[in-house]
Amino acid sequence: MAFEIVAIRTEGYLPDTPDKITEVKLSDGTIETVPQVVTYIDIKMEYYYTTSSLTKASVTSVHPSSGHAYIRTVGNDTTRDNLLNLPEF
């Protein structure tokens, strides 16, 4: 089963990197923290979000050598992650 992320909560004003995302809201209204999502992705649960062109973008976990784990879209090599286009809640 795949879980669709429909909104995000961030820390700070006008966050510009995905490591500032603190919580996500799923399509069923469930709110999960980023550490929860990272854990679930790491045990092979699938998360995605629907782009403005109505395609599914997979979400992955990132484990930097310093700092905390975070989430971003797969294949996103820019500092501005697609998840940051989602509405905030």
PDB file of N, CA and C in Angstrom:
ATOM      1  N   MET A   1       0.841  -1.174   0.000  1.00  0.00           N
ATOM      2  CA  MET A   1       0.000   0.000   0.000  1.00  0.00           C
ATOM      3  C   MET A   1       0.893   1.245   0.000  1.00  0.00           C
ATOM      4  N   ALA A   2       0.505   2.229  -0.783  1.00  0.00           N
ATOM      5  CA  ALA A   2       1.263   3.479  -0.857  1.00  0.00           C
ATOM      6  C   ALA A   2       0.462   4.591  -0.186  1.00  0.00           C
ATOM      7  N   PHE A   3       1.167   5.511   0.429  1.00  0.00           N
ATOM      8  CA  PHE A   3       0.545   6.606   1.163  1.00  0.00           C
ATOM      9  C   PHE A   3       0.835   7.929   0.463  1.00  0.00           C
ATOM     10  N   GLU A   4      -0.225   8.686   0.182  1.00  0.00           N
ATOM     11  CA  GLU A   4      -0.071   9.954  -0.512  1.00  0.00           C
ATOM     12  C   GLU A   4       0.084  11.103   0.479  1.00  0.00           C
ATOM     13  N   ILE A   5       1.149  11.869   0.339  1.00  0.00           N
ATOM     14  CA  ILE A   5       1.368  13.075   1.136  1.00  0.00           C
ATOM     15  C   ILE A   5       0.682  14.235   0.432  1.00  0.00           C
ATOM     16  N   VAL A   6      -0.200  14.942   1.166  1.00  0.00           N
ATOM     17  CA  VAL A   6      -0.972  16.022   0.547  1.00  0.00           C
ATOM     18  C   VAL A   6      -0.644  17.397   1.114  1.00  0.00           C
ATOM     19  N   ALA A   7       0.041  17.460   2.254  1.00  0.00           N
ATOM     20  CA  ALA A   7       0.406  18.738   2.862  1.00  0.00           C
ATOM     21  C   ALA A   7       1.597  18.518   3.782  1.00  0.00           C
ATOM     22  N   ILE A   8       2.282  19.623   4.096  1.00  0.00           N
ATOM     23  CA  ILE A   8       3.472  19.549   4.954  1.00  0.00           C
ATOM     24  C   ILE A   8       3.399  20.600   6.049  1.00  0.00           C
ATOM     25  N   ARG A   9       4.147  20.360   7.113  1.00  0.00           N
ATOM     26  CA  ARG A   9       4.384  21.365   8.158  1.00  0.00           C
ATOM     27  C   ARG A   9       5.896  21.548   8.223  1.00  0.00           C
ATOM     28  N   THR A  10       6.323  22.793   8.297  1.00  0.00           N
ATOM     29  CA  THR A  10       7.753  23.074   8.295  1.00  0.00           C
ATOM     30  C   THR A  10       8.146  23.909   9.497  1.00  0.00           C
ATOM     31  N   GLU A  11       9.444  23.937   9.755  1.00  0.00           N
ATOM     32  CA  GLU A  11       9.978  24.815  10.794  1.00  0.00           C
ATOM     33  C   GLU A  11      10.600  26.017  10.107  1.00  0.00           C
ATOM     34  N   GLY A  12      10.491  27.142  10.733  1.00  0.00           N
ATOM     35  CA  GLY A  12      11.098  28.344  10.182  1.00  0.00           C
ATOM     36  C   GLY A  12      10.214  29.038   9.164  1.00  0.00           C
ATOM     37  N   TYR A  13      10.640  30.196   8.772  1.00  0.00           N
ATOM     38  CA  TYR A  13       9.913  31.024   7.822  1.00  0.00           C
ATOM     39  C   TYR A  13      10.441  30.783   6.412  1.00  0.00           C
ATOM     40  N   LEU A  14       9.544  30.477   5.490  1.00  0.00           N
ATOM     41  CA  LEU A  14       9.891  30.220   4.094  1.00  0.00           C
ATOM     42  C   LEU A  14      11.024  29.201   3.941  1.00  0.00           C
ATOM     43  N   PRO A  15      10.794  27.988   4.384  1.00  0.00           N
ATOM     44  CA  PRO A  15      11.841  26.963   4.279  1.00  0.00           C
ATOM     45  C   PRO A  15      12.189  26.691   2.813  1.00  0.00           C
ATOM     46  N   ASP A  16      13.449  26.473   2.547  1.00  0.00           N
ATOM     47  CA  ASP A  16      13.870  26.255   1.170  1.00  0.00           C
ATOM     48  C   ASP A  16      14.564  24.917   0.948  1.00  0.00           C
ATOM     49  N   THR A  17      14.620  24.086   1.972  1.00  0.00           N
ATOM     50  CA  THR A  17      15.207  22.758   1.830  1.00  0.00           C
ATOM     51  C   THR A  17      14.302  21.741   2.523  1.00  0.00           C
ATOM     52  N   PRO A  18      14.273  20.503   2.014  1.00  0.00           N
ATOM     53  CA  PRO A  18      13.349  19.504   2.561  1.00  0.00           C
ATOM     54  C   PRO A  18      13.640  19.088   3.998  1.00  0.00           C
ATOM     55  N   ASP A  19      14.849  19.354   4.500  1.00  0.00           N
ATOM     56  CA  ASP A  19      15.137  18.982   5.887  1.00  0.00           C
ATOM     57  C   ASP A  19      14.392  19.869   6.885  1.00  0.00           C
ATOM     58  N   LYS A  20      13.707  20.884   6.404  1.00  0.00           N
ATOM     59  CA  LYS A  20      12.903  21.757   7.275  1.00  0.00           C
ATOM     60  C   LYS A  20      11.472  21.240   7.438  1.00  0.00           C
ATOM     61  N   ILE A  21      11.112  20.188   6.718  1.00  0.00           N
ATOM     62  CA  ILE A  21       9.783  19.586   6.864  1.00  0.00           C
ATOM     63  C   ILE A  21       9.762  18.801   8.165  1.00  0.00           C
ATOM     64  N   THR A  22       8.757  19.046   9.012  1.00  0.00           N
ATOM     65  CA  THR A  22       8.681  18.381  10.315  1.00  0.00           C
ATOM     66  C   THR A  22       7.555  17.350  10.390  1.00  0.00           C
ATOM     67  N   GLU A  23       6.472  17.582   9.647  1.00  0.00           N
ATOM     68  CA  GLU A  23       5.333  16.669   9.646  1.00  0.00           C
ATOM     69  C   GLU A  23       4.706  16.662   8.263  1.00  0.00           C
ATOM     70  N   VAL A  24       3.974  15.587   7.986  1.00  0.00           N
ATOM     71  CA  VAL A  24       3.231  15.498   6.731  1.00  0.00           C
ATOM     72  C   VAL A  24       1.793  15.088   7.036  1.00  0.00           C
ATOM     73  N   LYS A  25       0.903  15.515   6.155  1.00  0.00           N
ATOM     74  CA  LYS A  25      -0.494  15.081   6.241  1.00  0.00           C
ATOM     75  C   LYS A  25      -0.747  14.161   5.057  1.00  0.00           C
ATOM     76  N   LEU A  26      -1.359  13.009   5.348  1.00  0.00           N
ATOM     77  CA  LEU A  26      -1.668  12.037   4.308  1.00  0.00           C
ATOM     78  C   LEU A  26      -3.075  12.277   3.769  1.00  0.00           C
ATOM     79  N   SER A  27      -3.383  11.650   2.655  1.00  0.00           N
ATOM     80  CA  SER A  27      -4.675  11.869   2.001  1.00  0.00           C
ATOM     81  C   SER A  27      -5.858  11.461   2.861  1.00  0.00           C
ATOM     82  N   ASP A  28      -5.658  10.563   3.830  1.00  0.00           N
ATOM     83  CA  ASP A  28      -6.757  10.165   4.714  1.00  0.00           C
ATOM     84  C   ASP A  28      -6.866  11.056   5.951  1.00  0.00           C
ATOM     85  N   GLY A  29      -6.035  12.112   6.016  1.00  0.00           N
ATOM     86  CA  GLY A  29      -6.064  13.039   7.141  1.00  0.00           C
ATOM     87  C   GLY A  29      -5.078  12.728   8.253  1.00  0.00           C
ATOM     88  N   THR A  30      -4.433  11.588   8.189  1.00  0.00           N
ATOM     89  CA  THR A  30      -3.441  11.214   9.194  1.00  0.00           C
ATOM     90  C   THR A  30      -2.254  12.165   9.132  1.00  0.00           C
ATOM     91  N   ILE A  31      -1.761  12.553  10.295  1.00  0.00           N
ATOM     92  CA  ILE A  31      -0.566  13.379  10.380  1.00  0.00           C
ATOM     93  C   ILE A  31       0.559  12.529  10.951  1.00  0.00           C
ATOM     94  N   GLU A  32       1.686  12.523  10.263  1.00  0.00           N
ATOM     95  CA  GLU A  32       2.852  11.766  10.710  1.00  0.00           C
ATOM     96  C   GLU A  32       4.056  12.691  10.795  1.00  0.00           C
ATOM     97  N   THR A  33       4.915  12.424  11.768  1.00  0.00           N
ATOM     98  CA  THR A  33       6.159  13.194  11.876  1.00  0.00           C
ATOM     99  C   THR A  33       7.144  12.683  10.825  1.00  0.00           C
ATOM    100  N   VAL A  34       8.110  13.497  10.495  1.00  0.00           N
ATOM    101  CA  VAL A  34       9.125  13.062   9.539  1.00  0.00           C
ATOM    102  C   VAL A  34       9.906  11.862  10.070  1.00  0.00           C
ATOM    103  N   PRO A  35      10.294  11.825  11.362  1.00  0.00           N
ATOM    104  CA  PRO A  35      10.965  10.603  11.835  1.00  0.00           C
ATOM    105  C   PRO A  35      10.116   9.336  11.636  1.00  0.00           C
ATOM    106  N   GLN A  36       8.801   9.443  11.800  1.00  0.00           N
ATOM    107  CA  GLN A  36       7.935   8.283  11.545  1.00  0.00           C
ATOM    108  C   GLN A  36       8.001   7.885  10.074  1.00  0.00           C
ATOM    109  N   VAL A  37       7.861   8.860   9.184  1.00  0.00           N
ATOM    110  CA  VAL A  37       7.882   8.579   7.745  1.00  0.00           C
ATOM    111  C   VAL A  37       9.219   7.971   7.341  1.00  0.00           C
ATOM    112  N   VAL A  38      10.313   8.504   7.866  1.00  0.00           N
ATOM    113  CA  VAL A  38      11.640   7.954   7.571  1.00  0.00           C
ATOM    114  C   VAL A  38      11.700   6.483   7.983  1.00  0.00           C
ATOM    115  N   THR A  39      11.236   6.181   9.170  1.00  0.00           N
ATOM    116  CA  THR A  39      11.227   4.792   9.651  1.00  0.00           C
ATOM    117  C   THR A  39      10.406   3.904   8.732  1.00  0.00           C
ATOM    118  N   TYR A  40       9.217   4.358   8.358  1.00  0.00           N
ATOM    119  CA  TYR A  40       8.336   3.553   7.496  1.00  0.00           C
ATOM    120  C   TYR A  40       8.949   3.358   6.110  1.00  0.00           C
ATOM    121  N   ILE A  41       9.544   4.404   5.548  1.00  0.00           N
ATOM    122  CA  ILE A  41      10.190   4.267   4.237  1.00  0.00           C
ATOM    123  C   ILE A  41      11.355   3.284   4.339  1.00  0.00           C
ATOM    124  N   ASP A  42      12.109   3.359   5.427  1.00  0.00           N
ATOM    125  CA  ASP A  42      13.261   2.473   5.607  1.00  0.00           C
ATOM    126  C   ASP A  42      12.861   1.001   5.741  1.00  0.00           C
ATOM    127  N   ILE A  43      11.611   0.737   6.142  1.00  0.00           N
ATOM    128  CA  ILE A  43      11.139  -0.660   6.196  1.00  0.00           C
ATOM    129  C   ILE A  43      10.284  -0.997   4.969  1.00  0.00           C
ATOM    130  N   LYS A  44      10.481  -0.190   3.916  1.00  0.00           N
ATOM    131  CA  LYS A  44       9.927  -0.458   2.581  1.00  0.00           C
ATOM    132  C   LYS A  44       8.463  -0.072   2.385  1.00  0.00           C
ATOM    133  N   MET A  45       7.905   0.777   3.250  1.00  0.00           N
ATOM    134  CA  MET A  45       6.579   1.319   2.975  1.00  0.00           C
ATOM    135  C   MET A  45       6.751   2.421   1.933  1.00  0.00           C
ATOM    136  N   GLU A  46       5.734   2.632   1.102  1.00  0.00           N
ATOM    137  CA  GLU A  46       5.855   3.586   0.012  1.00  0.00           C
ATOM    138  C   GLU A  46       5.059   4.859   0.291  1.00  0.00           C
ATOM    139  N   TYR A  47       5.701   5.992   0.019  1.00  0.00           N
ATOM    140  CA  TYR A  47       5.069   7.302   0.127  1.00  0.00           C
ATOM    141  C   TYR A  47       5.262   8.022  -1.201  1.00  0.00           C
ATOM    142  N   TYR A  48       4.306   8.851  -1.561  1.00  0.00           N
ATOM    143  CA  TYR A  48       4.406   9.626  -2.793  1.00  0.00           C
ATOM    144  C   TYR A  48       3.597  10.898  -2.641  1.00  0.00           C
ATOM    145  N   TYR A  49       3.756  11.789  -3.581  1.00  0.00           N
ATOM    146  CA  TYR A  49       2.868  12.927  -3.677  1.00  0.00           C
ATOM    147  C   TYR A  49       2.517  13.110  -5.137  1.00  0.00           C
ATOM    148  N   THR A  50       1.367  13.718  -5.394  1.00  0.00           N
ATOM    149  CA  THR A  50       0.900  13.916  -6.760  1.00  0.00           C
ATOM    150  C   THR A  50       1.343  15.295  -7.229  1.00  0.00           C
ATOM    151  N   THR A  51       2.062  15.327  -8.339  1.00  0.00           N
ATOM    152  CA  THR A  51       2.584  16.577  -8.873  1.00  0.00           C
ATOM    153  C   THR A  51       1.483  17.393  -9.528  1.00  0.00           C
ATOM    154  N   SER A  52       1.805  18.610  -9.899  1.00  0.00           N
ATOM    155  CA  SER A  52       0.826  19.477 -10.567  1.00  0.00           C
ATOM    156  C   SER A  52       0.414  18.914 -11.922  1.00  0.00           C
ATOM    157  N   SER A  53       1.245  18.062 -12.501  1.00  0.00           N
ATOM    158  CA  SER A  53       0.886  17.418 -13.770  1.00  0.00           C
ATOM    159  C   SER A  53       0.206  16.063 -13.540  1.00  0.00           C
ATOM    160  N   LEU A  54      -0.210  15.820 -12.290  1.00  0.00           N
ATOM    161  CA  LEU A  54      -0.959  14.623 -11.882  1.00  0.00           C
ATOM    162  C   LEU A  54      -0.181  13.323 -12.027  1.00  0.00           C
ATOM    163  N   THR A  55       1.135  13.398 -11.917  1.00  0.00           N
ATOM    164  CA  THR A  55       1.941  12.186 -11.872  1.00  0.00           C
ATOM    165  C   THR A  55       2.382  11.946 -10.429  1.00  0.00           C
ATOM    166  N   LYS A  56       2.702  10.702 -10.131  1.00  0.00           N
ATOM    167  CA  LYS A  56       3.152  10.361  -8.785  1.00  0.00           C
ATOM    168  C   LYS A  56       4.659  10.513  -8.681  1.00  0.00           C
ATOM    169  N   ALA A  57       5.090  11.237  -7.654  1.00  0.00           N
ATOM    170  CA  ALA A  57       6.521  11.388  -7.359  1.00  0.00           C
ATOM    171  C   ALA A  57       6.811  10.618  -6.079  1.00  0.00           C
ATOM    172  N   SER A  58       7.680   9.638  -6.168  1.00  0.00           N
ATOM    173  CA  SER A  58       8.033   8.838  -4.993  1.00  0.00           C
ATOM    174  C   SER A  58       8.830   9.657  -3.998  1.00  0.00           C
ATOM    175  N   VAL A  59       8.649   9.335  -2.721  1.00  0.00           N
ATOM    176  CA  VAL A  59       9.357  10.012  -1.635  1.00  0.00           C
ATOM    177  C   VAL A  59      10.349   9.027  -1.038  1.00  0.00           C
ATOM    178  N   THR A  60      11.538   9.504  -0.726  1.00  0.00           N
ATOM    179  CA  THR A  60      12.582   8.665  -0.153  1.00  0.00           C
ATOM    180  C   THR A  60      13.108   9.290   1.136  1.00  0.00           C
ATOM    181  N   SER A  61      13.800   8.503   1.918  1.00  0.00           N
ATOM    182  CA  SER A  61      14.451   9.022   3.127  1.00  0.00           C
ATOM    183  C   SER A  61      15.912   9.318   2.816  1.00  0.00           C
ATOM    184  N   VAL A  62      16.435  10.333   3.488  1.00  0.00           N
ATOM    185  CA  VAL A  62      17.828  10.739   3.320  1.00  0.00           C
ATOM    186  C   VAL A  62      18.481  10.709   4.694  1.00  0.00           C
ATOM    187  N   HIS A  63      19.646  10.083   4.767  1.00  0.00           N
ATOM    188  CA  HIS A  63      20.381   9.965   6.032  1.00  0.00           C
ATOM    189  C   HIS A  63      21.747  10.641   5.884  1.00  0.00           C
ATOM    190  N   PRO A  64      21.819  11.955   6.135  1.00  0.00           N
ATOM    191  CA  PRO A  64      23.103  12.650   5.999  1.00  0.00           C
ATOM    192  C   PRO A  64      24.091  12.203   7.076  1.00  0.00           C
ATOM    193  N   SER A  65      25.376  12.389   6.804  1.00  0.00           N
ATOM    194  CA  SER A  65      26.389  11.984   7.780  1.00  0.00           C
ATOM    195  C   SER A  65      26.327  12.836   9.047  1.00  0.00           C
ATOM    196  N   SER A  66      25.835  14.053   8.924  1.00  0.00           N
ATOM    197  CA  SER A  66      25.605  14.882  10.115  1.00  0.00           C
ATOM    198  C   SER A  66      24.201  15.453  10.016  1.00  0.00           C
ATOM    199  N   GLY A  67      23.543  15.593  11.122  1.00  0.00           N
ATOM    200  CA  GLY A  67      22.174  16.084  11.120  1.00  0.00           C
ATOM    201  C   GLY A  67      21.177  14.943  11.144  1.00  0.00           C
ATOM    202  N   HIS A  68      19.913  15.300  11.127  1.00  0.00           N
ATOM    203  CA  HIS A  68      18.863  14.297  11.245  1.00  0.00           C
ATOM    204  C   HIS A  68      18.376  13.846   9.863  1.00  0.00           C
ATOM    205  N   ALA A  69      17.792  12.648   9.830  1.00  0.00           N
ATOM    206  CA  ALA A  69      17.242  12.105   8.589  1.00  0.00           C
ATOM    207  C   ALA A  69      16.035  12.941   8.174  1.00  0.00           C
ATOM    208  N   TYR A  70      15.812  13.010   6.864  1.00  0.00           N
ATOM    209  CA  TYR A  70      14.673  13.770   6.350  1.00  0.00           C
ATOM    210  C   TYR A  70      14.127  13.079   5.109  1.00  0.00           C
ATOM    211  N   ILE A  71      13.081  13.647   4.531  1.00  0.00           N
ATOM    212  CA  ILE A  71      12.464  13.070   3.339  1.00  0.00           C
ATOM    213  C   ILE A  71      12.556  14.057   2.178  1.00  0.00           C
ATOM    214  N   ARG A  72      12.549  13.508   0.964  1.00  0.00           N
ATOM    215  CA  ARG A  72      12.502  14.314  -0.252  1.00  0.00           C
ATOM    216  C   ARG A  72      12.012  13.413  -1.380  1.00  0.00           C
ATOM    217  N   THR A  73      11.754  14.018  -2.519  1.00  0.00           N
ATOM    218  CA  THR A  73      11.315  13.210  -3.649  1.00  0.00           C
ATOM    219  C   THR A  73      12.508  12.499  -4.281  1.00  0.00           C
ATOM    220  N   VAL A  74      12.248  11.359  -4.885  1.00  0.00           N
ATOM    221  CA  VAL A  74      13.289  10.561  -5.535  1.00  0.00           C
ATOM    222  C   VAL A  74      13.791  11.295  -6.771  1.00  0.00           C
ATOM    223  N   GLY A  75      15.087  11.239  -6.972  1.00  0.00           N
ATOM    224  CA  GLY A  75      15.678  11.829  -8.161  1.00  0.00           C
ATOM    225  C   GLY A  75      15.730  13.337  -8.132  1.00  0.00           C
ATOM    226  N   ASN A  76      15.577  13.899  -6.959  1.00  0.00           N
ATOM    227  CA  ASN A  76      15.588  15.346  -6.852  1.00  0.00           C
ATOM    228  C   ASN A  76      16.985  15.792  -6.447  1.00  0.00           C
ATOM    229  N   ASP A  77      17.730  16.321  -7.395  1.00  0.00           N
ATOM    230  CA  ASP A  77      19.105  16.746  -7.132  1.00  0.00           C
ATOM    231  C   ASP A  77      19.226  18.246  -6.894  1.00  0.00           C
ATOM    232  N   THR A  78      18.095  18.915  -6.733  1.00  0.00           N
ATOM    233  CA  THR A  78      18.134  20.349  -6.476  1.00  0.00           C
ATOM    234  C   THR A  78      17.933  20.599  -4.992  1.00  0.00           C
ATOM    235  N   THR A  79      18.247  21.800  -4.537  1.00  0.00           N
ATOM    236  CA  THR A  79      18.021  22.122  -3.133  1.00  0.00           C
ATOM    237  C   THR A  79      16.555  22.421  -2.872  1.00  0.00           C
ATOM    238  N   ARG A  80      15.803  22.790  -3.914  1.00  0.00           N
ATOM    239  CA  ARG A  80      14.367  23.076  -3.779  1.00  0.00           C
ATOM    240  C   ARG A  80      13.614  21.798  -4.097  1.00  0.00           C
ATOM    241  N   ASP A  81      13.095  21.133  -3.084  1.00  0.00           N
ATOM    242  CA  ASP A  81      12.417  19.855  -3.269  1.00  0.00           C
ATOM    243  C   ASP A  81      10.966  20.056  -3.662  1.00  0.00           C
ATOM    244  N   ASN A  82      10.458  19.137  -4.455  1.00  0.00           N
ATOM    245  CA  ASN A  82       9.058  19.189  -4.892  1.00  0.00           C
ATOM    246  C   ASN A  82       8.079  19.154  -3.725  1.00  0.00           C
ATOM    247  N   LEU A  83       8.441  18.499  -2.641  1.00  0.00           N
ATOM    248  CA  LEU A  83       7.534  18.450  -1.483  1.00  0.00           C
ATOM    249  C   LEU A  83       7.241  19.839  -0.949  1.00  0.00           C
ATOM    250  N   LEU A  84       8.171  20.763  -1.142  1.00  0.00           N
ATOM    251  CA  LEU A  84       7.972  22.127  -0.637  1.00  0.00           C
ATOM    252  C   LEU A  84       6.906  22.875  -1.440  1.00  0.00           C
ATOM    253  N   ASN A  85       6.435  22.305  -2.550  1.00  0.00           N
ATOM    254  CA  ASN A  85       5.338  22.899  -3.319  1.00  0.00           C
ATOM    255  C   ASN A  85       3.976  22.573  -2.720  1.00  0.00           C
ATOM    256  N   LEU A  86       3.940  21.616  -1.808  1.00  0.00           N
ATOM    257  CA  LEU A  86       2.660  21.231  -1.186  1.00  0.00           C
ATOM    258  C   LEU A  86       2.183  22.320  -0.227  1.00  0.00           C
ATOM    259  N   PRO A  87       0.869  22.392  -0.014  1.00  0.00           N
ATOM    260  CA  PRO A  87       0.367  23.382   0.949  1.00  0.00           C
ATOM    261  C   PRO A  87       0.805  23.032   2.366  1.00  0.00           C
ATOM    262  N   GLU A  88       0.890  24.048   3.193  1.00  0.00           N
ATOM    263  CA  GLU A  88       1.200  23.821   4.614  1.00  0.00           C
ATOM    264  C   GLU A  88      -0.101  23.660   5.381  1.00  0.00           C
ATOM    265  N   PHE A  89      -0.023  22.936   6.496  1.00  0.00           N
ATOM    266  CA  PHE A  89      -1.192  22.794   7.372  1.00  0.00           C
ATOM    267  C   PHE A  89      -0.833  23.208   8.778  1.00  0.00           C
TER     268      PHE A  89
END
